[in-house]
Amino acid sequence: MINGLYSLLEELIQARYAREKLSQLQRVNSKLDILRHQTRLLLDFELIQPKRYEFASELINAVGIDLGGWIKQQKRVAS
């Protein structure tokens, strides 16, 4: 999971400087979704405390909101 977080960060930084951002952002979005599910599994298997899960979920959702906005903006640019 930690590797997934670093990979996500790396791809977000690369997308910032890429000419064609949309496809890269969509790939990051799917990785973020995987991270959401992995985090949920940690809670389901009782490997994380509910408070920590709540905190992590809020952060993941905040990234998702920002990423969704960036994707929408790139779709407008591409049109």
Protein backbone atom coordinates (compact mmCIF):
# COMPACT_ATOMS: atom_id res chain seq x y z
CA MET A 1 0.00 0.00 0.00
CA ILE A 2 2.86 2.37 0.77
CA ASN A 3 4.32 1.65 -2.66
CA GLY A 4 0.94 2.51 -4.14
CA LEU A 5 0.96 5.87 -2.38
CA TYR A 6 4.43 6.69 -3.68
CA SER A 7 3.43 5.58 -7.17
CA LEU A 8 0.34 7.80 -6.99
CA LEU A 9 2.42 10.78 -5.90
CA GLU A 10 4.96 10.15 -8.64
CA GLU A 11 2.29 9.99 -11.33
CA LEU A 12 0.58 13.16 -10.09
CA ILE A 13 3.87 15.03 -10.29
CA GLN A 14 4.56 13.65 -13.77
CA ALA A 15 1.06 14.64 -14.91
CA ARG A 16 1.70 18.17 -13.77
CA TYR A 17 4.46 18.53 -16.36
CA ALA A 18 3.02 16.31 -19.11
CA ARG A 19 1.69 17.77 -22.34
CA GLU A 20 -1.11 15.20 -22.57
CA LYS A 21 -2.43 15.13 -19.03
CA LEU A 22 -5.85 13.56 -19.42
CA SER A 23 -4.86 9.93 -20.02
CA GLN A 24 -2.32 10.07 -17.22
CA LEU A 25 -4.83 11.62 -14.82
CA GLN A 26 -7.39 8.94 -15.65
CA ARG A 27 -4.78 6.27 -14.90
CA VAL A 28 -4.04 7.95 -11.56
CA ASN A 29 -7.76 8.05 -10.84
CA SER A 30 -8.02 4.28 -11.23
CA LYS A 31 -5.00 3.81 -8.93
CA LEU A 32 -6.70 6.04 -6.38
CA ASP A 33 -9.79 3.84 -6.58
CA ILE A 34 -7.63 0.78 -5.92
CA LEU A 35 -6.15 2.56 -2.91
CA ARG A 36 -9.67 3.26 -1.61
CA HIS A 37 -10.50 -0.44 -1.82
CA GLN A 38 -7.22 -1.48 -0.20
CA THR A 39 -7.89 0.90 2.68
CA ARG A 40 -11.38 -0.53 3.09
CA LEU A 41 -9.95 -4.05 3.19
CA LEU A 42 -7.63 -3.00 6.01
CA LEU A 43 -10.71 -2.00 8.00
CA ASP A 44 -12.67 -5.12 7.03
CA PHE A 45 -9.84 -7.38 8.17
CA GLU A 46 -9.43 -5.29 11.33
CA LEU A 47 -5.86 -4.34 10.43
CA ILE A 48 -6.55 -0.65 11.00
CA GLN A 49 -8.48 1.14 13.71
CA PRO A 50 -11.77 2.74 12.62
CA LYS A 51 -10.51 6.25 13.52
CA ARG A 52 -7.42 5.79 11.36
CA TYR A 53 -9.57 4.45 8.52
CA GLU A 54 -11.83 7.49 8.80
CA PHE A 55 -8.85 9.84 8.68
CA ALA A 56 -7.26 8.04 5.71
CA SER A 57 -10.57 7.95 3.85
CA GLU A 58 -11.05 11.69 4.28
CA LEU A 59 -7.60 12.33 2.83
CA ILE A 60 -8.14 9.93 -0.07
CA ASN A 61 -11.50 11.55 -0.82
CA ALA A 62 -9.92 15.02 -0.77
CA VAL A 63 -7.33 13.87 -3.32
CA GLY A 64 -10.14 12.34 -5.37
CA ILE A 65 -12.10 15.58 -5.40
CA ASP A 66 -9.06 17.56 -6.55
CA LEU A 67 -8.16 14.93 -9.13
CA GLY A 68 -11.73 14.86 -10.45
CA GLY A 69 -11.66 18.63 -10.87
CA TRP A 70 -8.36 18.42 -12.72
CA ILE A 71 -9.75 15.72 -15.03
CA LYS A 72 -12.85 17.82 -15.79
CA GLN A 73 -10.67 20.82 -16.54
CA GLN A 74 -8.49 18.77 -18.90
CA LYS A 75 -11.59 17.43 -20.69
CA ARG A 76 -12.71 21.01 -21.32
CA VAL A 77 -9.27 21.89 -22.67
CA ALA A 78 -9.30 18.85 -24.97
CA SER A 79 -12.73 19.74 -26.41
